[in-house]
Amino acid sequence: MVTATITSKGQITIPKFVRESLCLNAGDRIAFEVHGRDEAIMKPITKSVDDVFGLLHNPSITPQSIDDMDTAIGRQMSRHKL
């Protein structure tokens, strides 16, 4: 069993073994399910497509066609030939 200590502010540090086992990183969210007065289950909150939809959208950038993107990539590649 892995343990952690609660600080005076009610915070805990999730032990490295637990973070690695659950693939938790800084900024990730977790949920607690409380069962009675003597048990709580911690679960990582997984992101759904709806959570990240539009995350990279920037209204100030004009949308480009795939052909325009291919042309720009080809232009950059020709400039950086080894």
Protein backbone atom coordinates (compact mmCIF):
# COMPACT_ATOMS: atom_id res chain seq x y z
CA MET A 1 0.00 0.00 0.00
CA VAL A 2 1.25 3.49 -0.89
CA THR A 3 0.57 6.28 1.60
CA ALA A 4 0.64 10.09 1.66
CA THR A 5 0.38 12.67 4.43
CA ILE A 6 -2.19 15.47 4.53
CA THR A 7 -0.71 18.93 5.13
CA SER A 8 -2.22 21.54 7.46
CA LYS A 9 -3.83 23.07 4.35
CA GLY A 10 -5.54 19.78 3.48
CA GLN A 11 -3.23 19.01 0.56
CA ILE A 12 -1.41 15.82 -0.34
CA THR A 13 1.37 14.97 -2.75
CA ILE A 14 0.39 12.03 -4.90
CA PRO A 15 3.30 9.57 -4.66
CA LYS A 16 5.39 9.12 -7.81
CA PHE A 17 4.44 5.44 -8.12
CA VAL A 18 0.74 6.36 -8.19
CA ARG A 19 1.26 9.25 -10.65
CA GLU A 20 3.21 6.99 -13.00
CA SER A 21 0.73 4.12 -12.66
CA LEU A 22 -2.21 6.41 -13.53
CA CYS A 23 -0.22 8.42 -16.14
CA LEU A 24 -0.88 11.65 -14.22
CA ASN A 25 0.99 14.82 -15.10
CA ALA A 26 1.00 18.38 -13.76
CA GLY A 27 -2.31 20.05 -14.52
CA ASP A 28 -4.25 16.79 -14.89
CA ARG A 29 -7.54 16.54 -13.04
CA ILE A 30 -8.64 13.76 -10.75
CA ALA A 31 -12.01 12.85 -9.24
CA PHE A 32 -12.75 11.35 -5.84
CA GLU A 33 -15.60 8.93 -5.19
CA VAL A 34 -16.37 8.80 -1.47
CA HIS A 35 -17.89 5.58 -0.13
CA GLY A 36 -19.08 5.97 3.41
CA ARG A 37 -16.77 7.39 6.06
CA ASP A 38 -13.78 5.13 5.48
CA GLU A 39 -13.12 4.83 1.76
CA ALA A 40 -12.45 7.12 -1.20
CA ILE A 41 -11.44 6.16 -4.71
CA MET A 42 -9.26 8.50 -6.78
CA LYS A 43 -9.71 8.36 -10.56
CA PRO A 44 -8.02 10.36 -13.31
CA ILE A 45 -10.45 12.41 -15.38
CA THR A 46 -9.87 11.55 -19.01
CA LYS A 47 -10.32 14.16 -21.66
CA SER A 48 -12.97 13.60 -24.29
CA VAL A 49 -12.99 15.03 -27.79
CA ASP A 50 -15.51 17.59 -26.57
CA ASP A 51 -13.04 18.82 -23.94
CA VAL A 52 -10.34 19.64 -26.49
CA PHE A 53 -12.49 20.60 -29.49
CA GLY A 54 -11.45 23.99 -30.82
CA LEU A 55 -8.49 24.23 -28.46
CA LEU A 56 -6.15 25.21 -31.29
CA HIS A 57 -8.65 27.44 -33.09
CA ASN A 58 -7.36 30.94 -33.72
CA PRO A 59 -9.91 33.21 -35.45
CA SER A 60 -7.17 35.62 -36.58
CA ILE A 61 -5.61 32.97 -38.86
CA THR A 62 -7.15 32.49 -42.31
CA PRO A 63 -7.98 28.83 -42.97
CA GLN A 64 -5.71 27.17 -45.54
CA SER A 65 -6.49 24.42 -48.02
CA ILE A 66 -4.55 21.16 -47.96
CA ASP A 67 -2.94 22.14 -51.29
CA ASP A 68 -1.79 25.45 -49.76
CA MET A 69 -0.34 23.56 -46.78
CA ASP A 70 1.45 21.07 -49.06
CA THR A 71 2.94 23.92 -51.09
CA ALA A 72 4.17 25.70 -47.94
CA ILE A 73 5.70 22.48 -46.57
CA GLY A 74 7.44 21.79 -49.89
CA ARG A 75 8.80 25.34 -49.95
CA GLN A 76 10.22 25.01 -46.43
CA MET A 77 11.71 21.59 -47.16
CA SER A 78 13.49 22.90 -50.27
CA ARG A 79 15.06 25.68 -48.19
CA HIS A 80 16.41 23.21 -45.61
CA LYS A 81 17.85 20.47 -47.81
CA LEU A 82 20.83 18.79 -46.22
